[in-house]
Amino acid sequence: MRLTCGLAAAALLVTVAGCSGDSDSDSGSGTSATATASATVTTAPVVAPYVDIVSGTADITAIHTATGQADFTAAFVLADSAKTCTPTWGGTAAIDDSTIAAAIAKITAISGDVIVSTGGETGTYLENVCSADELAAAYEKALDVAGSNYLDVDIEQTVTAATIMTALSTVQKARGTAITLTLPVGGESVGLTDTAIALLQSAEDAGLDVTVNAMIMNFTGTGSDWGAALTTATESVKADVAGVWSDLTDTEVYAMLGVTPMIGANGLGGPTTVANAKTLLTYAKEKGLGFVRFWSVNRDNGDCTDGSVSSKCSGISQTDYAFTDLFADYTG
């Protein structure tokens, strides 16, 4: 995901090294993977669309009033402009920036929960400039500032798996943080890339309790029905997840899987129309997917209809908040 024009299924490169994690761990909560956490692992919101919280272009109060949606995924926490291990919003705003704090307070005011998302398509990852201990501290600082215990790690760049898994294990053991690994699809029938699968294997080896968020966007479909392509891509990812957590039943695998389409115009494939989103959500309900999100509420309006990919509008003809209103009804 990115702060400008949405998410792209960029090539994902992972350096896989030995990950730390206790093998003699307690059983995980729900249907996700085995947890190493000493604290009970919490459960993240079922519906939490992404909001580019740095841009300030989304009116959270208006969105909630129109749709009832209260939970959001705040993107993105990155390293600072000096590329040091200092968590910031978007690489530009201090993690305790007052303007962003006010935006988060609007979510709290409607009794909503915030999922803190790190990484994305562009910018300097904390995951690439921090040691494992520093990364754990940076994750915790971002969560504390947001008043959250839900962490989304969006990996679209080269990373070292061992650093991330060690840090995530530390955080999850200490506070029972709900952790989602967000990864791009390689194609409709391809599923995740090999390096993304390797990252999931590192999480499983570390004994982490995670959910997996498939970025079903910016890929070339094999047919003319984009709604069907979204569901086929999700099935491909489901097979990948089942291959890593081979001890889980199909029901359990679907329950640890979520999806994030890019609403409206995509850079590649799509566009994702409201009808396509309905197809996806019908499938998600039938299969029992654990959660749904989309990129992004900032784009959920008909302010541009020329098919362009913008951070502020969907590029298609739609009513304001049409996608948010649709997704808000999903119950898993």
Protein backbone atom coordinates (compact mmCIF):
# COMPACT_ATOMS: atom_id res chain seq x y z
CA MET A 1 0.00 0.00 0.00
CA ARG A 2 1.09 3.54 -0.45
CA LEU A 3 0.08 7.00 0.66
CA THR A 4 -0.35 8.37 -2.85
CA CYS A 5 -2.26 6.16 -5.22
CA GLY A 6 -3.12 3.07 -3.25
CA LEU A 7 -1.46 -0.32 -3.26
CA ALA A 8 0.60 -2.11 -5.87
CA ALA A 9 1.52 -5.76 -5.92
CA ALA A 10 5.19 -4.95 -6.07
CA ALA A 11 7.80 -7.66 -6.01
CA LEU A 12 8.31 -8.81 -2.45
CA LEU A 13 11.77 -9.96 -1.44
CA VAL A 14 12.34 -11.59 1.92
CA THR A 15 15.63 -12.59 3.46
CA VAL A 16 14.69 -15.64 5.50
CA ALA A 17 16.94 -16.43 8.41
CA GLY A 18 16.40 -18.38 11.60
CA CYS A 19 13.57 -16.80 13.54
CA SER A 20 13.36 -16.83 17.28
CA GLY A 21 10.25 -18.05 19.01
CA ASP A 22 9.26 -20.55 21.63
CA SER A 23 8.29 -23.95 20.33
CA ASP A 24 6.69 -24.89 23.64
CA SER A 25 3.96 -22.27 23.34
CA ASP A 26 0.39 -22.14 24.46
CA SER A 27 -2.35 -22.83 21.98
CA GLY A 28 -3.48 -19.73 20.05
CA SER A 29 -6.87 -18.13 20.43
CA GLY A 30 -9.56 -18.50 17.80
CA THR A 31 -8.54 -20.27 14.60
CA SER A 32 -5.25 -18.59 13.82
CA ALA A 33 -1.77 -20.00 14.30
CA THR A 34 -0.23 -21.17 17.54
CA ALA A 35 0.69 -18.26 19.83
CA THR A 36 3.89 -17.71 21.71
CA ALA A 37 2.30 -14.92 23.69
CA SER A 38 2.15 -15.12 27.45
CA ALA A 39 -0.71 -12.65 27.32
CA THR A 40 -3.98 -13.76 25.72
CA VAL A 41 -3.97 -12.72 22.08
CA THR A 42 -6.71 -10.24 21.31
CA THR A 43 -8.96 -10.27 18.26
CA ALA A 44 -8.83 -7.45 15.71
CA PRO A 45 -11.95 -5.79 14.27
CA VAL A 46 -13.70 -7.72 11.51
CA VAL A 47 -14.14 -4.63 9.31
CA ALA A 48 -11.48 -1.92 9.36
CA PRO A 49 -10.91 -0.13 6.05
CA TYR A 50 -7.61 1.64 5.57
CA VAL A 51 -7.38 5.37 6.07
CA ASP A 52 -4.46 7.46 4.86
CA ILE A 53 -4.32 9.23 8.19
CA VAL A 54 -1.38 11.42 7.19
CA SER A 55 -3.18 13.16 4.31
CA GLY A 56 -6.14 14.29 6.41
CA THR A 57 -8.51 13.90 3.46
CA ALA A 58 -10.95 11.51 5.15
CA ASP A 59 -13.68 12.91 7.41
CA ILE A 60 -14.02 10.10 9.96
CA THR A 61 -17.03 11.66 11.66
CA ALA A 62 -18.91 12.08 8.38
CA ILE A 63 -18.04 8.54 7.28
CA HIS A 64 -19.32 7.13 10.56
CA THR A 65 -22.50 9.19 10.42
CA ALA A 66 -23.24 8.02 6.90
CA THR A 67 -22.31 4.34 7.25
CA GLY A 68 -21.96 3.41 10.91
CA GLN A 69 -18.36 2.28 10.33
CA ALA A 70 -16.26 2.90 13.44
CA ASP A 71 -13.04 0.85 13.12
CA PHE A 72 -10.20 1.86 10.82
CA THR A 73 -6.68 0.79 9.86
CA ALA A 74 -4.38 3.81 10.14
CA ALA A 75 -1.61 3.87 7.53
CA PHE A 76 1.39 4.00 7.61
CA VAL A 77 4.03 4.01 10.35
CA LEU A 78 7.51 4.32 8.83
CA ALA A 79 11.04 5.33 9.80
CA ASP A 80 11.78 9.06 9.89
CA SER A 81 13.23 11.06 6.99
CA ALA A 82 16.74 10.47 8.33
CA LYS A 83 16.10 6.72 8.00
CA THR A 84 16.67 6.06 11.67
CA CYS A 85 14.71 3.73 13.91
CA THR A 86 12.23 6.43 14.88
CA PRO A 87 8.55 5.64 14.23
CA THR A 88 6.70 8.36 12.34
CA TRP A 89 3.48 8.65 10.40
CA GLY A 90 4.32 8.45 6.73
CA GLY A 91 7.96 9.22 7.36
CA THR A 92 7.06 12.88 7.86
CA ALA A 93 4.94 13.40 10.98
CA ALA A 94 6.05 12.62 14.52
CA ILE A 95 4.37 9.57 15.99
CA ASP A 96 2.69 11.84 18.55
CA ASP A 97 1.81 14.57 16.02
CA SER A 98 -1.14 16.55 17.35
CA THR A 99 -3.06 16.64 14.06
CA ILE A 100 -2.91 12.89 13.65
CA ALA A 101 -3.68 12.42 17.33
CA ALA A 102 -6.84 14.46 16.75
CA ALA A 103 -7.81 12.21 13.85
CA ILE A 104 -7.30 9.13 16.00
CA ALA A 105 -9.35 10.78 18.74
CA LYS A 106 -12.25 11.05 16.29
CA ILE A 107 -12.19 7.27 15.92
CA THR A 108 -12.09 6.83 19.68
CA ALA A 109 -14.97 9.28 20.05
CA ILE A 110 -17.24 7.02 17.98
CA SER A 111 -16.17 4.00 20.09
CA GLY A 112 -14.02 2.74 17.25
CA ASP A 113 -10.78 0.79 17.30
CA VAL A 114 -7.59 1.68 15.45
CA ILE A 115 -5.38 -0.87 13.76
CA VAL A 116 -1.86 0.53 13.39
CA SER A 117 -0.35 -0.32 10.01
CA THR A 118 3.37 -0.22 9.28
CA GLY A 119 5.20 -0.48 5.97
CA GLY A 120 3.35 -0.07 2.68
CA GLU A 121 4.67 0.33 -0.82
CA THR A 122 6.96 3.30 -0.43
CA GLY A 123 9.13 4.91 2.24
CA THR A 124 11.76 3.56 4.62
CA TYR A 125 10.57 0.63 6.69
CA LEU A 126 11.24 0.51 10.40
CA GLU A 127 11.66 -3.19 9.73
CA ASN A 128 14.76 -2.37 7.66
CA VAL A 129 16.53 0.12 9.92
CA CYS A 130 15.80 -1.24 13.40
CA SER A 131 17.31 -4.12 15.30
CA ALA A 132 14.80 -6.66 16.56
CA ASP A 133 14.70 -5.08 20.04
CA GLU A 134 14.40 -1.58 18.59
CA LEU A 135 11.66 -2.71 16.24
CA ALA A 136 9.65 -4.21 19.08
CA ALA A 137 9.96 -0.93 21.00
CA ALA A 138 8.93 1.06 17.90
CA TYR A 139 5.87 -1.16 17.38
CA GLU A 140 4.86 -0.71 21.02
CA LYS A 141 5.33 3.05 20.90
CA ALA A 142 3.10 3.35 17.84
CA LEU A 143 0.46 1.13 19.42
CA ASP A 144 0.54 3.08 22.69
CA VAL A 145 0.18 6.44 20.94
CA ALA A 146 -2.82 5.13 19.01
CA GLY A 147 -4.33 3.46 22.07
CA SER A 148 -4.31 0.20 20.16
CA ASN A 149 -3.34 -3.43 20.53
CA TYR A 150 -3.86 -4.28 16.85
CA LEU A 151 -0.85 -4.29 14.52
CA ASP A 152 -0.87 -4.66 10.76
CA VAL A 153 2.55 -5.25 9.15
CA ASP A 154 2.32 -4.50 5.42
CA ILE A 155 5.36 -5.93 3.64
CA GLU A 156 5.97 -4.92 0.04
CA GLN A 157 9.72 -4.37 0.14
CA THR A 158 12.82 -6.44 0.84
CA VAL A 159 12.94 -7.39 4.51
CA THR A 160 14.78 -9.74 6.84
CA ALA A 161 12.22 -12.12 8.28
CA ALA A 162 14.20 -12.94 11.43
CA THR A 163 14.21 -9.32 12.60
CA ILE A 164 10.47 -8.95 12.13
CA MET A 165 9.50 -12.26 13.69
CA THR A 166 11.69 -11.72 16.74
CA ALA A 167 10.19 -8.26 17.26
CA LEU A 168 6.63 -9.47 16.75
CA SER A 169 7.17 -12.35 19.16
CA THR A 170 8.40 -9.91 21.80
CA VAL A 171 5.38 -7.66 21.37
CA GLN A 172 2.85 -10.47 21.27
CA LYS A 173 4.26 -12.18 24.34
CA ALA A 174 4.24 -8.94 26.30
CA ARG A 175 0.79 -7.63 25.44
CA GLY A 176 -1.17 -10.21 23.40
CA THR A 177 -1.19 -7.98 20.34
CA ALA A 178 -3.31 -9.07 17.38
CA ILE A 179 -0.92 -9.25 14.41
CA THR A 180 -1.81 -9.23 10.74
CA LEU A 181 0.70 -9.84 7.96
CA THR A 182 -0.44 -7.99 4.85
CA LEU A 183 1.03 -9.30 1.60
CA PRO A 184 0.48 -8.68 -2.13
CA VAL A 185 -0.83 -11.35 -4.47
CA GLY A 186 1.30 -12.41 -7.41
CA GLY A 187 -1.70 -13.03 -9.65
CA GLU A 188 -5.21 -14.41 -9.87
CA SER A 189 -4.16 -18.07 -9.98
CA VAL A 190 -0.66 -17.58 -8.56
CA GLY A 191 -1.60 -16.54 -5.05
CA LEU A 192 1.20 -15.13 -2.93
CA THR A 193 4.74 -14.82 -4.22
CA ASP A 194 7.29 -17.39 -3.11
CA THR A 195 8.99 -14.83 -0.88
CA ALA A 196 5.68 -13.90 0.74
CA ILE A 197 5.05 -17.56 1.47
CA ALA A 198 8.54 -17.78 2.96
CA LEU A 199 7.65 -14.89 5.27
CA LEU A 200 4.54 -16.74 6.44
CA GLN A 201 6.62 -19.85 7.01
CA SER A 202 8.92 -17.77 9.22
CA ALA A 203 5.89 -16.63 11.22
CA GLU A 204 4.72 -20.21 11.62
CA ASP A 205 8.20 -21.35 12.62
CA ALA A 206 8.33 -18.59 15.22
CA GLY A 207 5.03 -19.78 16.68
CA LEU A 208 3.32 -16.45 16.09
CA ASP A 209 -0.43 -16.08 16.27
CA VAL A 210 -1.15 -14.17 13.06
CA THR A 211 -3.84 -13.49 10.53
CA VAL A 212 -3.03 -13.07 6.84
CA ASN A 213 -4.34 -10.15 4.78
CA ALA A 214 -4.30 -10.74 1.01
CA MET A 215 -3.93 -7.55 -1.03
CA ILE A 216 -6.10 -8.61 -3.95
CA MET A 217 -5.35 -5.67 -6.21
CA ASN A 218 -3.16 -4.55 -9.07
CA PHE A 219 -2.88 -7.93 -10.76
CA THR A 220 -3.93 -9.08 -14.20
CA GLY A 221 -7.07 -11.21 -14.17
CA THR A 222 -7.56 -14.12 -16.54
CA GLY A 223 -11.13 -13.21 -17.47
CA SER A 224 -13.47 -10.27 -17.90
CA ASP A 225 -15.22 -10.63 -14.52
CA TRP A 226 -13.11 -8.71 -12.00
CA GLY A 227 -15.35 -9.71 -9.11
CA ALA A 228 -14.71 -13.37 -9.88
CA ALA A 229 -10.99 -12.63 -10.28
CA LEU A 230 -10.93 -11.22 -6.74
CA THR A 231 -12.43 -14.38 -5.32
CA THR A 232 -10.16 -16.66 -7.39
CA ALA A 233 -7.11 -14.75 -6.16
CA THR A 234 -8.31 -15.16 -2.59
CA GLU A 235 -8.74 -18.91 -3.08
CA SER A 236 -5.17 -19.06 -4.36
CA VAL A 237 -3.92 -17.30 -1.23
CA LYS A 238 -6.03 -19.62 0.92
CA ALA A 239 -4.19 -22.58 -0.61
CA ASP A 240 -0.86 -20.92 0.22
CA VAL A 241 -1.87 -20.33 3.84
CA ALA A 242 -3.12 -23.91 4.13
CA GLY A 243 0.24 -25.12 2.88
CA VAL A 244 2.05 -23.27 5.68
CA TRP A 245 -0.39 -24.10 8.49
CA SER A 246 -1.09 -27.62 7.27
CA ASP A 247 -2.53 -28.75 10.60
CA LEU A 248 -5.53 -26.42 10.31
CA THR A 249 -8.89 -27.32 8.83
CA ASP A 250 -10.27 -25.40 5.85
CA THR A 251 -12.64 -23.57 8.18
CA GLU A 252 -9.74 -22.51 10.38
CA VAL A 253 -7.65 -21.36 7.42
CA TYR A 254 -10.47 -19.21 6.05
CA ALA A 255 -10.97 -17.73 9.52
CA MET A 256 -7.33 -16.56 9.70
CA LEU A 257 -7.55 -15.04 6.23
CA GLY A 258 -8.70 -11.55 5.28
CA VAL A 259 -8.83 -9.56 2.05
CA THR A 260 -8.09 -6.00 0.98
CA PRO A 261 -9.16 -4.93 -2.51
CA MET A 262 -8.43 -1.48 -3.91
CA ILE A 263 -11.75 0.20 -4.57
CA GLY A 264 -12.33 1.86 -7.91
CA ALA A 265 -9.50 2.25 -10.38
CA ASN A 266 -6.49 -0.03 -9.91
CA GLY A 267 -3.09 0.54 -11.43
CA LEU A 268 -3.36 -2.93 -12.98
CA GLY A 269 -6.53 -4.93 -13.32
CA GLY A 270 -9.91 -3.81 -12.11
CA PRO A 271 -11.51 -1.39 -11.69
CA THR A 272 -13.22 -2.64 -8.54
CA THR A 273 -16.85 -1.58 -8.77
CA VAL A 274 -19.48 -1.76 -6.06
CA ALA A 275 -20.88 -4.82 -7.84
CA ASN A 276 -17.44 -6.47 -7.75
CA ALA A 277 -17.18 -5.71 -4.04
CA LYS A 278 -20.58 -7.34 -3.48
CA THR A 279 -19.33 -10.47 -5.24
CA LEU A 280 -16.27 -10.52 -3.02
CA LEU A 281 -18.22 -10.00 0.19
CA THR A 282 -20.72 -12.72 -0.72
CA TYR A 283 -17.79 -15.09 -1.20
CA ALA A 284 -16.20 -13.93 2.06
CA LYS A 285 -19.39 -14.64 3.95
CA GLU A 286 -19.83 -18.06 2.36
CA LYS A 287 -16.26 -19.07 3.22
CA GLY A 288 -16.15 -17.43 6.64
CA LEU A 289 -13.21 -15.10 6.04
CA GLY A 290 -11.96 -13.64 9.29
CA PHE A 291 -11.94 -10.00 8.23
CA VAL A 292 -12.27 -7.56 5.35
CA ARG A 293 -10.63 -4.22 4.61
CA PHE A 294 -10.14 -2.03 1.56
CA TRP A 295 -7.87 0.73 0.32
CA SER A 296 -9.04 3.35 1.17
CA VAL A 297 -11.80 5.43 2.75
CA ASN A 298 -10.01 8.51 1.39
CA ARG A 299 -10.91 7.27 -2.10
CA ASP A 300 -14.51 6.29 -1.31
CA ASN A 301 -16.25 9.02 -3.29
CA GLY A 302 -17.20 9.90 -6.86
CA ASP A 303 -15.14 13.06 -7.09
CA CYS A 304 -13.28 11.73 -10.13
CA THR A 305 -14.79 9.41 -12.71
CA ASP A 306 -12.17 9.32 -15.46
CA GLY A 307 -10.57 6.04 -14.45
CA SER A 308 -7.49 7.68 -13.01
CA VAL A 309 -5.79 6.29 -9.91
CA SER A 310 -5.93 8.95 -7.22
CA SER A 311 -5.39 8.99 -3.48
CA LYS A 312 -8.47 11.20 -3.03
CA CYS A 313 -11.15 9.57 -5.19
CA SER A 314 -12.00 6.19 -6.69
CA GLY A 315 -11.82 7.07 -10.39
CA ILE A 316 -15.26 5.57 -11.02
CA SER A 317 -18.83 6.76 -10.81
CA GLN A 318 -20.17 6.06 -7.31
CA THR A 319 -21.98 7.65 -4.41
CA ASP A 320 -19.99 8.91 -1.46
CA TYR A 321 -19.00 6.15 0.99
CA ALA A 322 -20.65 3.43 -1.14
CA PHE A 323 -17.91 0.91 -0.40
CA THR A 324 -17.68 1.75 3.29
CA ASP A 325 -21.43 1.33 3.63
CA LEU A 326 -21.24 -2.06 1.91
CA PHE A 327 -18.27 -3.38 3.88
CA ALA A 328 -19.66 -2.13 7.20
CA ASP A 329 -22.36 -4.82 7.08
CA TYR A 330 -19.85 -7.69 6.97
CA THR A 331 -19.89 -9.82 10.11
CA GLY A 332 -17.56 -12.67 9.17
